[in-house]
Amino acid sequence: MSILVIAAYHCEVAGKPTNSVDYQVRHFASDSLDDVTARLRAELPQAYQNCYKQEVRSLFDDIVAVEFDARFEDGQEVIGFITGKSKKTTEPNAPPNRRPARQRTARKPSRGGGR
């Protein structure tokens, strides 16, 4: 049996918590959610130094979703995400995935002063 989990990690920079959350999809060859949770809690935090020489750490918080006996078929979507950014931003050479913004023309002042 296998378990697929989405685990949430919070980020600390220079020992101070941030609002950043890292969601990781993790696969375990196990049939016990207790064992999986124990393994995640026992992992050392992932750490690196940012460009300001501050330590950045990701620390496990909790499991936010679980799929038991996950079976993967060839070519099946396992993870999908939406960036919230246009395709042009994420893939600079790709055609835009939405129409360009409409060009606005300058408004002429109305008679009587307007605003």
N, C-alpha and C. Protein backbone atom coordinates (compact mmCIF):
# COMPACT_ATOMS: atom_id res chain seq x y z
N MET A 1 0.85 -1.18 0.00
CA MET A 1 0.00 0.00 0.00
C MET A 1 0.90 1.24 0.00
N SER A 2 0.36 2.34 -0.47
CA SER A 2 1.12 3.59 -0.43
C SER A 2 0.21 4.73 0.00
N ILE A 3 0.85 5.78 0.48
CA ILE A 3 0.12 6.96 0.94
C ILE A 3 0.72 8.18 0.25
N LEU A 4 -0.15 9.02 -0.26
CA LEU A 4 0.24 10.29 -0.85
C LEU A 4 -0.28 11.38 0.07
N VAL A 5 0.60 12.28 0.51
CA VAL A 5 0.17 13.35 1.42
C VAL A 5 0.58 14.71 0.85
N ILE A 6 -0.17 15.72 1.23
CA ILE A 6 0.25 17.10 1.02
C ILE A 6 0.64 17.60 2.40
N ALA A 7 1.92 17.93 2.55
CA ALA A 7 2.45 18.39 3.83
C ALA A 7 2.71 19.89 3.75
N ALA A 8 2.37 20.59 4.81
CA ALA A 8 2.58 22.04 4.87
C ALA A 8 3.80 22.34 5.76
N TYR A 9 4.64 23.22 5.26
CA TYR A 9 5.82 23.66 5.98
C TYR A 9 5.78 25.18 6.08
N HIS A 10 6.14 25.72 7.24
CA HIS A 10 6.23 27.18 7.34
C HIS A 10 7.70 27.59 7.22
N CYS A 11 7.89 28.83 6.84
CA CYS A 11 9.23 29.35 6.56
C CYS A 11 9.66 30.31 7.66
N GLU A 12 10.92 30.20 8.05
CA GLU A 12 11.53 31.16 8.97
C GLU A 12 12.76 31.75 8.30
N VAL A 13 12.93 33.05 8.44
CA VAL A 13 14.12 33.72 7.92
C VAL A 13 14.81 34.37 9.12
N ALA A 14 16.07 34.03 9.32
CA ALA A 14 16.86 34.53 10.44
C ALA A 14 16.14 34.28 11.77
N GLY A 15 15.50 33.12 11.87
CA GLY A 15 14.82 32.74 13.11
C GLY A 15 13.45 33.34 13.33
N LYS A 16 12.98 34.16 12.37
CA LYS A 16 11.67 34.80 12.52
C LYS A 16 10.68 34.19 11.53
N PRO A 17 9.48 33.84 11.99
CA PRO A 17 8.47 33.26 11.09
C PRO A 17 8.05 34.25 10.02
N THR A 18 7.75 33.72 8.84
CA THR A 18 7.21 34.53 7.74
C THR A 18 5.80 34.04 7.45
N ASN A 19 5.12 34.69 6.52
CA ASN A 19 3.78 34.24 6.10
C ASN A 19 3.85 33.18 5.00
N SER A 20 5.03 32.81 4.59
CA SER A 20 5.21 31.88 3.49
C SER A 20 4.92 30.44 3.92
N VAL A 21 4.16 29.72 3.09
CA VAL A 21 3.87 28.31 3.34
C VAL A 21 4.33 27.51 2.12
N ASP A 22 5.06 26.43 2.38
CA ASP A 22 5.53 25.54 1.32
C ASP A 22 4.70 24.27 1.41
N TYR A 23 3.95 23.97 0.35
CA TYR A 23 3.17 22.73 0.31
C TYR A 23 3.94 21.72 -0.53
N GLN A 24 4.18 20.55 0.03
CA GLN A 24 4.90 19.50 -0.68
C GLN A 24 4.01 18.27 -0.80
N VAL A 25 3.98 17.70 -1.99
CA VAL A 25 3.28 16.44 -2.21
C VAL A 25 4.33 15.35 -2.04
N ARG A 26 4.07 14.46 -1.08
CA ARG A 26 5.06 13.43 -0.74
C ARG A 26 4.42 12.05 -0.85
N HIS A 27 5.18 11.10 -1.39
CA HIS A 27 4.71 9.72 -1.54
C HIS A 27 5.47 8.85 -0.55
N PHE A 28 4.75 7.96 0.14
CA PHE A 28 5.35 7.04 1.09
C PHE A 28 4.87 5.63 0.80
N ALA A 29 5.80 4.68 0.80
CA ALA A 29 5.47 3.26 0.65
C ALA A 29 5.15 2.74 2.04
N SER A 30 3.99 3.07 2.53
CA SER A 30 3.57 2.71 3.89
C SER A 30 2.05 2.57 3.90
N ASP A 31 1.55 1.90 4.91
CA ASP A 31 0.09 1.80 5.06
C ASP A 31 -0.35 2.43 6.39
N SER A 32 0.56 3.16 7.05
CA SER A 32 0.25 3.74 8.35
C SER A 32 0.46 5.26 8.31
N LEU A 33 -0.63 6.00 8.47
CA LEU A 33 -0.53 7.46 8.51
C LEU A 33 0.25 7.90 9.75
N ASP A 34 0.15 7.16 10.85
CA ASP A 34 0.93 7.49 12.05
C ASP A 34 2.43 7.42 11.76
N ASP A 35 2.85 6.37 11.03
CA ASP A 35 4.28 6.23 10.68
C ASP A 35 4.73 7.37 9.76
N VAL A 36 3.90 7.71 8.80
CA VAL A 36 4.23 8.79 7.86
C VAL A 36 4.36 10.11 8.62
N THR A 37 3.41 10.38 9.51
CA THR A 37 3.46 11.62 10.30
C THR A 37 4.71 11.65 11.16
N ALA A 38 5.06 10.53 11.78
CA ALA A 38 6.26 10.46 12.61
C ALA A 38 7.51 10.71 11.78
N ARG A 39 7.57 10.17 10.58
CA ARG A 39 8.72 10.40 9.70
C ARG A 39 8.85 11.87 9.33
N LEU A 40 7.72 12.51 9.01
CA LEU A 40 7.77 13.92 8.64
C LEU A 40 8.20 14.77 9.83
N ARG A 41 7.70 14.46 11.01
CA ARG A 41 8.08 15.23 12.22
C ARG A 41 9.56 15.03 12.58
N ALA A 42 10.12 13.87 12.25
CA ALA A 42 11.51 13.56 12.59
C ALA A 42 12.52 14.14 11.60
N GLU A 43 12.06 14.56 10.43
CA GLU A 43 12.98 15.11 9.43
C GLU A 43 13.62 16.40 9.93
N LEU A 44 14.89 16.58 9.60
CA LEU A 44 15.56 17.84 9.90
C LEU A 44 14.99 18.93 8.99
N PRO A 45 14.90 20.15 9.50
CA PRO A 45 14.38 21.23 8.64
C PRO A 45 15.29 21.44 7.42
N GLN A 46 14.68 21.77 6.31
CA GLN A 46 15.45 22.12 5.12
C GLN A 46 15.94 23.54 5.33
N ALA A 47 17.24 23.79 5.10
CA ALA A 47 17.79 25.10 5.38
C ALA A 47 18.79 25.51 4.30
N TYR A 48 18.88 26.81 4.06
CA TYR A 48 19.87 27.38 3.16
C TYR A 48 20.08 28.84 3.54
N GLN A 49 21.12 29.46 2.98
CA GLN A 49 21.36 30.89 3.22
C GLN A 49 20.86 31.68 2.03
N ASN A 50 20.11 32.75 2.31
CA ASN A 50 19.64 33.61 1.23
C ASN A 50 20.74 34.59 0.83
N CYS A 51 20.45 35.49 -0.11
CA CYS A 51 21.46 36.42 -0.62
C CYS A 51 21.91 37.43 0.44
N TYR A 52 21.19 37.54 1.56
CA TYR A 52 21.56 38.45 2.65
C TYR A 52 22.30 37.71 3.76
N LYS A 53 22.71 36.46 3.47
CA LYS A 53 23.43 35.60 4.42
C LYS A 53 22.58 35.24 5.64
N GLN A 54 21.25 35.27 5.47
CA GLN A 54 20.34 34.86 6.54
C GLN A 54 19.95 33.40 6.32
N GLU A 55 19.81 32.66 7.41
CA GLU A 55 19.37 31.28 7.28
C GLU A 55 17.87 31.24 7.03
N VAL A 56 17.48 30.50 6.00
CA VAL A 56 16.08 30.29 5.65
C VAL A 56 15.78 28.83 5.93
N ARG A 57 14.75 28.58 6.74
CA ARG A 57 14.41 27.21 7.11
C ARG A 57 12.94 26.93 6.82
N SER A 58 12.66 25.72 6.35
CA SER A 58 11.29 25.25 6.18
C SER A 58 11.05 24.16 7.21
N LEU A 59 10.03 24.38 8.06
CA LEU A 59 9.74 23.46 9.16
C LEU A 59 8.36 22.84 8.97
N PHE A 60 8.28 21.53 9.17
CA PHE A 60 7.03 20.81 9.00
C PHE A 60 5.97 21.30 9.98
N ASP A 61 4.76 21.54 9.48
CA ASP A 61 3.64 21.94 10.33
C ASP A 61 2.63 20.81 10.47
N ASP A 62 2.08 20.37 9.33
CA ASP A 62 1.00 19.40 9.41
C ASP A 62 0.75 18.78 8.04
N ILE A 63 0.01 17.70 8.05
CA ILE A 63 -0.46 17.08 6.81
C ILE A 63 -1.83 17.69 6.52
N VAL A 64 -2.00 18.26 5.32
CA VAL A 64 -3.26 18.92 5.00
C VAL A 64 -4.18 18.07 4.11
N ALA A 65 -3.65 17.01 3.50
CA ALA A 65 -4.47 16.12 2.68
C ALA A 65 -3.79 14.76 2.59
N VAL A 66 -4.61 13.71 2.50
CA VAL A 66 -4.09 12.34 2.45
C VAL A 66 -4.86 11.55 1.40
N GLU A 67 -4.14 10.75 0.63
CA GLU A 67 -4.76 9.82 -0.31
C GLU A 67 -4.16 8.44 -0.02
N PHE A 68 -5.00 7.52 0.45
CA PHE A 68 -4.52 6.17 0.76
C PHE A 68 -4.53 5.31 -0.48
N ASP A 69 -3.59 4.39 -0.53
CA ASP A 69 -3.47 3.42 -1.62
C ASP A 69 -3.47 4.12 -2.97
N ALA A 70 -2.65 5.15 -3.05
CA ALA A 70 -2.54 5.90 -4.31
C ALA A 70 -1.89 5.02 -5.37
N ARG A 71 -2.59 4.83 -6.45
CA ARG A 71 -2.06 4.04 -7.57
C ARG A 71 -1.83 4.98 -8.74
N PHE A 72 -0.64 4.93 -9.27
CA PHE A 72 -0.29 5.83 -10.36
C PHE A 72 -0.29 5.06 -11.67
N GLU A 73 -1.01 5.60 -12.65
CA GLU A 73 -1.02 5.01 -13.97
C GLU A 73 -0.15 5.85 -14.88
N ASP A 74 0.44 5.20 -15.89
CA ASP A 74 1.32 5.89 -16.82
C ASP A 74 0.62 7.09 -17.46
N GLY A 75 1.20 8.26 -17.31
CA GLY A 75 0.66 9.47 -17.92
C GLY A 75 -0.43 10.16 -17.12
N GLN A 76 -0.85 9.59 -16.01
CA GLN A 76 -1.92 10.17 -15.20
C GLN A 76 -1.42 11.42 -14.48
N GLU A 77 -2.27 12.45 -14.43
CA GLU A 77 -1.92 13.65 -13.68
C GLU A 77 -1.89 13.30 -12.19
N VAL A 78 -0.81 13.66 -11.54
CA VAL A 78 -0.68 13.43 -10.12
C VAL A 78 -0.81 14.75 -9.38
N ILE A 79 -0.19 15.79 -9.92
CA ILE A 79 -0.22 17.11 -9.30
C ILE A 79 -0.47 18.14 -10.39
N GLY A 80 -1.32 19.09 -10.11
CA GLY A 80 -1.53 20.21 -11.01
C GLY A 80 -1.58 21.48 -10.19
N PHE A 81 -1.17 22.58 -10.76
CA PHE A 81 -1.26 23.83 -10.02
C PHE A 81 -1.49 24.97 -10.99
N ILE A 82 -2.06 26.03 -10.47
CA ILE A 82 -2.31 27.24 -11.24
C ILE A 82 -1.44 28.32 -10.63
N THR A 83 -0.65 28.98 -11.44
CA THR A 83 0.33 29.93 -10.92
C THR A 83 -0.27 31.26 -10.51
N GLY A 84 -1.40 31.64 -11.12
CA GLY A 84 -1.92 32.97 -10.87
C GLY A 84 -1.23 34.01 -11.73
N LYS A 85 -0.29 33.57 -12.54
CA LYS A 85 0.43 34.46 -13.45
C LYS A 85 0.06 34.08 -14.87
N SER A 86 0.22 35.03 -15.77
CA SER A 86 -0.09 34.72 -17.17
C SER A 86 0.98 33.80 -17.75
N LYS A 87 0.63 33.10 -18.80
CA LYS A 87 1.56 32.18 -19.45
C LYS A 87 2.78 32.94 -19.96
N LYS A 88 2.58 34.17 -20.40
CA LYS A 88 3.68 35.00 -20.90
C LYS A 88 4.71 35.22 -19.80
N THR A 89 4.27 35.33 -18.54
CA THR A 89 5.19 35.55 -17.42
C THR A 89 5.95 34.28 -17.09
N THR A 90 5.26 33.14 -17.09
CA THR A 90 5.89 31.89 -16.69
C THR A 90 6.65 31.22 -17.82
N GLU A 91 6.26 31.49 -19.06
CA GLU A 91 6.93 30.94 -20.23
C GLU A 91 7.12 32.09 -21.23
N PRO A 92 8.25 32.81 -21.13
CA PRO A 92 8.43 34.03 -21.92
C PRO A 92 8.23 33.89 -23.43
N ASN A 93 8.49 32.73 -24.01
CA ASN A 93 8.35 32.58 -25.46
C ASN A 93 6.98 32.06 -25.89
N ALA A 94 6.09 31.86 -24.93
CA ALA A 94 4.76 31.32 -25.24
C ALA A 94 3.81 32.45 -25.64
N PRO A 95 2.81 32.12 -26.46
CA PRO A 95 1.80 33.14 -26.79
C PRO A 95 0.98 33.45 -25.55
N PRO A 96 0.46 34.66 -25.45
CA PRO A 96 -0.32 35.00 -24.25
C PRO A 96 -1.57 34.14 -24.13
N ASN A 97 -2.00 33.88 -22.89
CA ASN A 97 -3.18 33.06 -22.67
C ASN A 97 -4.42 33.91 -22.42
N ARG A 98 -4.30 35.18 -22.64
CA ARG A 98 -5.48 36.06 -22.57
C ARG A 98 -5.26 37.22 -23.53
N ARG A 99 -6.36 37.87 -23.87
CA ARG A 99 -6.26 38.99 -24.80
C ARG A 99 -5.47 40.14 -24.19
N PRO A 100 -4.72 40.87 -25.01
CA PRO A 100 -4.01 42.03 -24.47
C PRO A 100 -5.02 43.05 -23.93
N ALA A 101 -4.57 43.85 -22.99
CA ALA A 101 -5.44 44.87 -22.41
C ALA A 101 -5.87 45.85 -23.49
N ARG A 102 -7.10 46.31 -23.37
CA ARG A 102 -7.64 47.26 -24.34
C ARG A 102 -6.95 48.60 -24.15
N GLN A 103 -6.55 49.22 -25.26
CA GLN A 103 -5.93 50.54 -25.19
C GLN A 103 -6.98 51.56 -24.83
N ARG A 104 -6.70 52.37 -23.87
CA ARG A 104 -7.64 53.40 -23.46
C ARG A 104 -7.25 54.71 -24.12
N THR A 105 -8.24 55.42 -24.55
CA THR A 105 -7.98 56.73 -25.15
C THR A 105 -8.15 57.80 -24.08
N ALA A 106 -7.43 58.88 -24.27
CA ALA A 106 -7.54 59.98 -23.30
C ALA A 106 -8.94 60.58 -23.39
N ARG A 107 -9.53 60.85 -22.25
CA ARG A 107 -10.85 61.44 -22.23
C ARG A 107 -10.74 62.95 -22.39
N LYS A 108 -11.68 63.51 -23.15
CA LYS A 108 -11.73 64.95 -23.31
C LYS A 108 -12.51 65.53 -22.13
N PRO A 109 -12.06 66.67 -21.62
CA PRO A 109 -12.82 67.28 -20.51
C PRO A 109 -14.23 67.62 -20.97
N SER A 110 -15.19 67.43 -20.08
CA SER A 110 -16.56 67.71 -20.42
C SER A 110 -16.85 69.22 -20.25
N ARG A 111 -17.86 69.66 -20.96
CA ARG A 111 -18.25 71.05 -20.79
C ARG A 111 -18.79 71.24 -19.38
N GLY A 112 -18.56 72.34 -18.85
CA GLY A 112 -19.08 72.60 -17.51
C GLY A 112 -18.08 72.20 -16.44
N GLY A 113 -16.92 71.81 -16.81
CA GLY A 113 -15.86 71.57 -15.83
C GLY A 113 -15.68 70.13 -15.41
N GLY A 114 -16.76 69.41 -15.23
CA GLY A 114 -16.64 68.01 -14.79
C GLY A 114 -15.94 67.90 -13.46
N ARG A 115 -15.24 66.83 -13.28
CA ARG A 115 -14.54 66.66 -12.00
C ARG A 115 -13.19 67.29 -12.02
